[in-house]
Every structure is written in C-alpha cells, then in structure tokens.
Amino acid sequence: MKKIFFGAALLLLAGCSSGNTNTTSATSSTTDTSVTQSSSSAVASTSETTQQTSSIKASTGSTTDSQFIVTLDEAVKIFQDKYPDTVLTQVSLDSSFGKYFYKIEGSDAKQEYELEVDANTKEILKDKQESQDPDDWAEAQQDALDLKGIITIEKAGELAEQAAGDGQATDWELSKDLDIMYWEVKVEGQKEVEVKLDAHSGKVLHQEVD
C-alpha cells in the first residue's frame, strides 16, 4: 500500500514539473514575440523618419540643384546655328512667371541679334534683330564672350548663395567688361542680393544688397 501511494506521489510531481515547463515555454515565447514586435515597430519608425527627412531635403533644394533640360551650350548652339557669323556679347538665364529661358545676344558687322530660348523645351520665345552701328560693332568685338573655361551656371549659383549667406539664386547673366568675364547672379532671400563673380575663378568681385 505504501508502494502504491509513493508511486502516485511520483506521478503527481512529474505532472507538476511538466506543467511548469510548458508554462515557462509559453511565457518565453510570448516575451520573444513582444520583443520582435517592438523591434519591428522601431525599424518601421526609423524608416518613416528617414523617408520624412529625405522628403524635407528634396523640398528645400535650391534652384541650382535643378538640372535644366537645355544646357547653356545647347542654347548658344541654337543661336550660332541661326546666326553663324556673329560674336556673343551677352548670355543670361532669366525667370519669368516661374518659367526659365536663356537670352542670348550677339552681333555681326551689320546687325544686332537677340534670341530667347526656353530652358526646358528649346522653343524660341523671341527673335529680334536691329541695325548695327559701326561704333557698336567695334565695341561688340572687344567685349565678345569666349565660353571656354568658365564656371557653370550651377557653380556660379552655388558660390553666389554662399556669398549672400541666405537665399536662392534665381537669375544669371554672363558679361564682359575691361577684358574680365563675369557672372552676375541674383540671390533672393530675406533680402535681394546681386553677386558678381569672376567667370573663370569664381572669385567674388562685387556684392550689392537691394
């Protein structure tokens, strides 16, 4: 009788032990699931934050980060193909009602030419000609532009924004005076600043706040 009682006690203890093991396993599984879910939430939150940061950076990019479909060289080529025997006297990239266009001016011995080319479609927006004065032709030859080795429009805009300290480059003009070629860049921010840069070195030559 004692043996039967002792055997029953052993079976009861074994059952309790098995129950405790199952409970521990279930608790461990629940904890692992919670940790995994928390980690997934943290990764999702980090991913969302990264996406929001990227969106902010994209929305606050400056004009000089934009890639105009038509490059300066392409716009000049359109002008030179139309008027092959001319010298360039002025080149600019202007904005009007949010639309960018190149304005290219040139001359030959008899005529002065002005061409406006859409910076995204190559559409010719304006084509103007007028008679050339002999004195003006001599001056045009002296101030003729050579585009070799100059800094790009994007670089000029970047340097002008740095010089202004605040704002965004909106308009560019390339000219020559006293044998010095220069970019004149308008930067609009809390104030409107015009920055004049050496077209080859990028050095700031003059800065004026309007």
Protein backbone atom coordinates (compact mmCIF):
# COMPACT_ATOMS: atom_id res chain seq x y z
CA MET A 1 0.00 0.00 0.00
CA LYS A 2 2.87 2.32 0.82
CA LYS A 3 4.45 1.48 -2.54
CA ILE A 4 1.22 2.40 -4.37
CA PHE A 5 0.98 5.72 -2.52
CA PHE A 6 4.64 6.50 -3.18
CA GLY A 7 4.21 5.76 -6.91
CA ALA A 8 1.18 8.04 -7.14
CA ALA A 9 3.13 10.83 -5.47
CA LEU A 10 5.92 10.48 -8.03
CA LEU A 11 3.44 10.69 -10.92
CA LEU A 12 1.86 13.80 -9.40
CA LEU A 13 5.25 15.51 -9.03
CA ALA A 14 6.16 14.62 -12.62
CA GLY A 15 2.91 16.16 -13.89
CA CYS A 16 3.51 19.39 -11.96
CA SER A 17 7.04 19.58 -13.32
CA SER A 18 5.79 19.14 -16.88
CA GLY A 19 3.15 21.85 -16.36
CA ASN A 20 5.77 24.31 -15.07
CA THR A 21 7.96 23.63 -18.10
CA ASN A 22 5.09 24.27 -20.50
CA THR A 23 4.19 27.50 -18.68
CA THR A 24 7.81 28.71 -18.85
CA SER A 25 7.99 27.90 -22.58
CA ALA A 26 4.76 29.79 -23.24
CA THR A 27 5.99 32.79 -21.25
CA SER A 28 9.32 32.74 -23.11
CA SER A 29 7.51 32.56 -26.46
CA THR A 30 5.26 35.49 -25.52
CA THR A 31 8.28 37.55 -24.48
CA ASP A 32 10.13 36.76 -27.72
CA THR A 33 7.06 37.76 -29.74
CA SER A 34 6.77 41.07 -27.85
CA VAL A 35 10.46 41.86 -28.39
CA THR A 36 10.19 41.03 -32.10
CA GLN A 37 7.10 43.25 -32.46
CA SER A 38 8.85 46.10 -30.61
CA SER A 39 11.93 45.76 -32.84
CA SER A 40 9.75 45.79 -35.97
CA SER A 41 7.97 48.90 -34.73
CA ALA A 42 11.29 50.61 -34.07
CA VAL A 43 12.57 49.71 -37.56
CA ALA A 44 9.32 50.94 -39.13
CA SER A 45 9.54 54.17 -37.13
CA THR A 46 13.17 54.69 -38.19
CA SER A 47 12.27 54.02 -41.83
CA GLU A 48 9.40 56.52 -41.64
CA THR A 49 11.68 59.14 -40.10
CA THR A 50 14.28 58.59 -42.84
CA GLN A 51 11.62 58.98 -45.52
CA GLN A 52 10.34 62.19 -43.94
CA THR A 53 13.90 63.57 -43.75
CA SER A 54 14.51 62.73 -47.40
CA SER A 55 11.27 64.46 -48.37
CA ILE A 56 12.28 67.60 -46.47
CA LYS A 57 15.68 67.68 -48.17
CA ALA A 58 14.08 67.25 -51.58
CA SER A 59 11.54 70.01 -51.00
CA THR A 60 14.12 72.51 -49.79
CA GLY A 61 16.63 72.05 -52.62
CA SER A 62 17.87 75.26 -54.21
CA THR A 63 17.33 76.31 -57.80
CA THR A 64 20.97 75.48 -58.55
CA ASP A 65 20.27 71.85 -57.63
CA SER A 66 17.79 71.72 -60.52
CA GLN A 67 19.00 70.34 -63.83
CA PHE A 68 17.67 72.45 -66.70
CA ILE A 69 16.87 70.22 -69.65
CA VAL A 70 18.53 72.65 -72.06
CA THR A 71 22.13 73.47 -71.18
CA LEU A 72 23.86 76.78 -71.78
CA ASP A 73 25.98 75.25 -74.54
CA GLU A 74 22.88 73.93 -76.29
CA ALA A 75 21.15 77.31 -76.14
CA VAL A 76 24.25 79.03 -77.53
CA LYS A 77 24.45 76.47 -80.33
CA ILE A 78 20.84 77.24 -81.30
CA PHE A 79 21.83 80.91 -81.58
CA GLN A 80 25.02 80.23 -83.52
CA ASP A 81 23.30 77.84 -85.92
CA LYS A 82 20.76 80.54 -86.68
CA TYR A 83 23.33 83.35 -86.86
CA PRO A 84 26.67 81.69 -87.66
CA ASP A 85 28.83 84.74 -88.38
CA THR A 86 28.31 86.55 -85.11
CA VAL A 87 30.11 87.18 -81.83
CA LEU A 88 28.40 86.65 -78.49
CA THR A 89 28.04 89.78 -76.38
CA GLN A 90 25.79 88.65 -73.53
CA VAL A 91 24.22 85.44 -72.22
CA SER A 92 21.71 85.14 -69.40
CA LEU A 93 19.33 82.69 -67.74
CA ASP A 94 16.23 84.52 -66.54
CA SER A 95 12.93 83.56 -64.96
CA SER A 96 9.55 84.97 -65.83
CA PHE A 97 6.34 83.72 -64.17
CA GLY A 98 8.24 80.65 -62.95
CA LYS A 99 9.48 79.79 -66.46
CA TYR A 100 13.20 79.84 -67.23
CA PHE A 101 14.66 80.95 -70.54
CA TYR A 102 18.08 81.79 -71.98
CA LYS A 103 18.56 85.22 -73.51
CA ILE A 104 21.47 85.32 -75.94
CA GLU A 105 22.73 88.48 -77.61
CA GLY A 106 25.24 88.76 -80.42
CA SER A 107 26.35 90.93 -83.31
CA ASP A 108 27.92 91.00 -86.72
CA ALA A 109 29.08 94.00 -88.72
CA LYS A 110 25.55 94.90 -89.84
CA GLN A 111 23.06 93.56 -87.27
CA GLU A 112 22.47 93.01 -83.57
CA TYR A 113 20.60 89.85 -82.61
CA GLU A 114 18.66 88.76 -79.55
CA LEU A 115 17.26 85.26 -79.10
CA GLU A 116 15.27 83.85 -76.17
CA VAL A 117 15.22 80.06 -75.80
CA ASP A 118 13.02 78.11 -73.37
CA ALA A 119 15.35 76.36 -70.88
CA ASN A 120 13.26 73.18 -70.91
CA THR A 121 11.80 72.83 -74.40
CA LYS A 122 14.29 74.68 -76.70
CA GLU A 123 11.35 76.67 -78.03
CA ILE A 124 12.39 80.05 -79.44
CA LEU A 125 10.37 82.59 -77.49
CA LYS A 126 11.80 85.74 -79.05
CA ASP A 127 13.87 86.54 -82.14
CA LYS A 128 14.83 90.17 -82.52
CA GLN A 129 17.16 91.94 -84.98
CA GLU A 130 18.14 95.54 -85.45
CA SER A 131 20.71 97.50 -87.39
CA GLN A 132 24.23 97.68 -86.03
CA ASP A 133 26.05 100.97 -85.54
CA PRO A 134 29.70 100.83 -86.66
CA ASP A 135 30.88 102.08 -83.27
CA ASP A 136 28.79 99.44 -81.50
CA TRP A 137 30.27 96.72 -83.72
CA ALA A 138 33.79 97.72 -82.68
CA GLU A 139 32.74 97.56 -79.03
CA ALA A 140 30.99 94.21 -79.55
CA GLN A 141 34.18 92.72 -80.97
CA GLN A 142 36.15 93.98 -77.98
CA ASP A 143 33.66 92.56 -75.46
CA ALA A 144 32.96 89.30 -77.30
CA LEU A 145 32.42 86.33 -74.98
CA ASP A 146 34.52 83.17 -75.02
CA LEU A 147 32.76 80.42 -73.06
CA LYS A 148 35.79 78.14 -72.78
CA GLY A 149 36.94 77.51 -69.21
CA ILE A 150 34.18 79.40 -67.42
CA ILE A 151 32.43 78.04 -64.34
CA THR A 152 28.98 76.57 -64.91
CA ILE A 153 25.68 78.27 -64.16
CA GLU A 154 25.15 75.78 -61.31
CA LYS A 155 28.54 76.55 -59.78
CA ALA A 156 28.02 80.31 -60.13
CA GLY A 157 24.67 79.98 -58.35
CA GLU A 158 26.20 77.94 -55.55
CA LEU A 159 29.03 80.43 -54.98
CA ALA A 160 26.63 83.37 -55.08
CA GLU A 161 24.35 81.76 -52.48
CA GLN A 162 27.37 81.16 -50.22
CA ALA A 163 28.45 84.79 -50.60
CA ALA A 164 24.94 86.10 -49.89
CA GLY A 165 24.64 83.84 -46.84
CA ASP A 166 20.91 83.39 -47.32
CA GLY A 167 18.53 82.87 -50.22
CA GLN A 168 18.31 81.15 -53.57
CA ALA A 169 19.90 82.00 -56.92
CA THR A 170 17.19 82.95 -59.43
CA ASP A 171 18.84 84.78 -62.36
CA TRP A 172 22.24 84.62 -64.05
CA GLU A 173 23.95 86.96 -66.53
CA LEU A 174 27.32 86.46 -68.23
CA SER A 175 29.05 89.60 -69.50
CA LYS A 176 32.50 91.04 -70.19
CA ASP A 177 33.96 94.36 -69.18
CA LEU A 178 37.58 95.57 -69.38
CA ASP A 179 38.66 92.11 -70.57
CA ILE A 180 37.13 90.45 -67.49
CA MET A 181 34.29 87.98 -67.96
CA TYR A 182 31.95 87.75 -65.01
CA TRP A 183 28.74 86.14 -63.82
CA GLU A 184 26.21 88.43 -62.17
CA VAL A 185 23.84 86.32 -60.06
CA LYS A 186 20.68 87.47 -58.31
CA VAL A 187 20.01 85.76 -54.98
CA GLU A 188 16.58 86.18 -53.40
CA GLY A 189 16.01 85.53 -49.70
CA GLN A 190 15.13 87.83 -46.82
CA LYS A 191 16.90 90.43 -48.97
CA GLU A 192 17.72 90.55 -52.67
CA VAL A 193 21.47 90.31 -53.25
CA GLU A 194 23.38 90.67 -56.52
CA VAL A 195 26.72 88.89 -56.54
CA LYS A 196 29.33 89.50 -59.23
CA LEU A 197 31.77 86.59 -59.76
CA ASP A 198 34.85 86.15 -61.94
CA ALA A 199 33.59 83.76 -64.63
CA HIS A 200 36.81 81.75 -64.60
CA SER A 201 37.95 81.63 -60.97
CA GLY A 202 34.60 82.08 -59.22
CA LYS A 203 36.08 84.84 -57.05
CA VAL A 204 33.55 87.35 -55.69
CA LEU A 205 34.22 90.71 -57.38
CA HIS A 206 31.31 92.71 -56.01
CA GLN A 207 28.22 92.25 -53.87
CA GLU A 208 25.24 94.57 -53.57
CA VAL A 209 22.15 94.33 -51.37
CA ASP A 210 18.93 95.87 -52.68
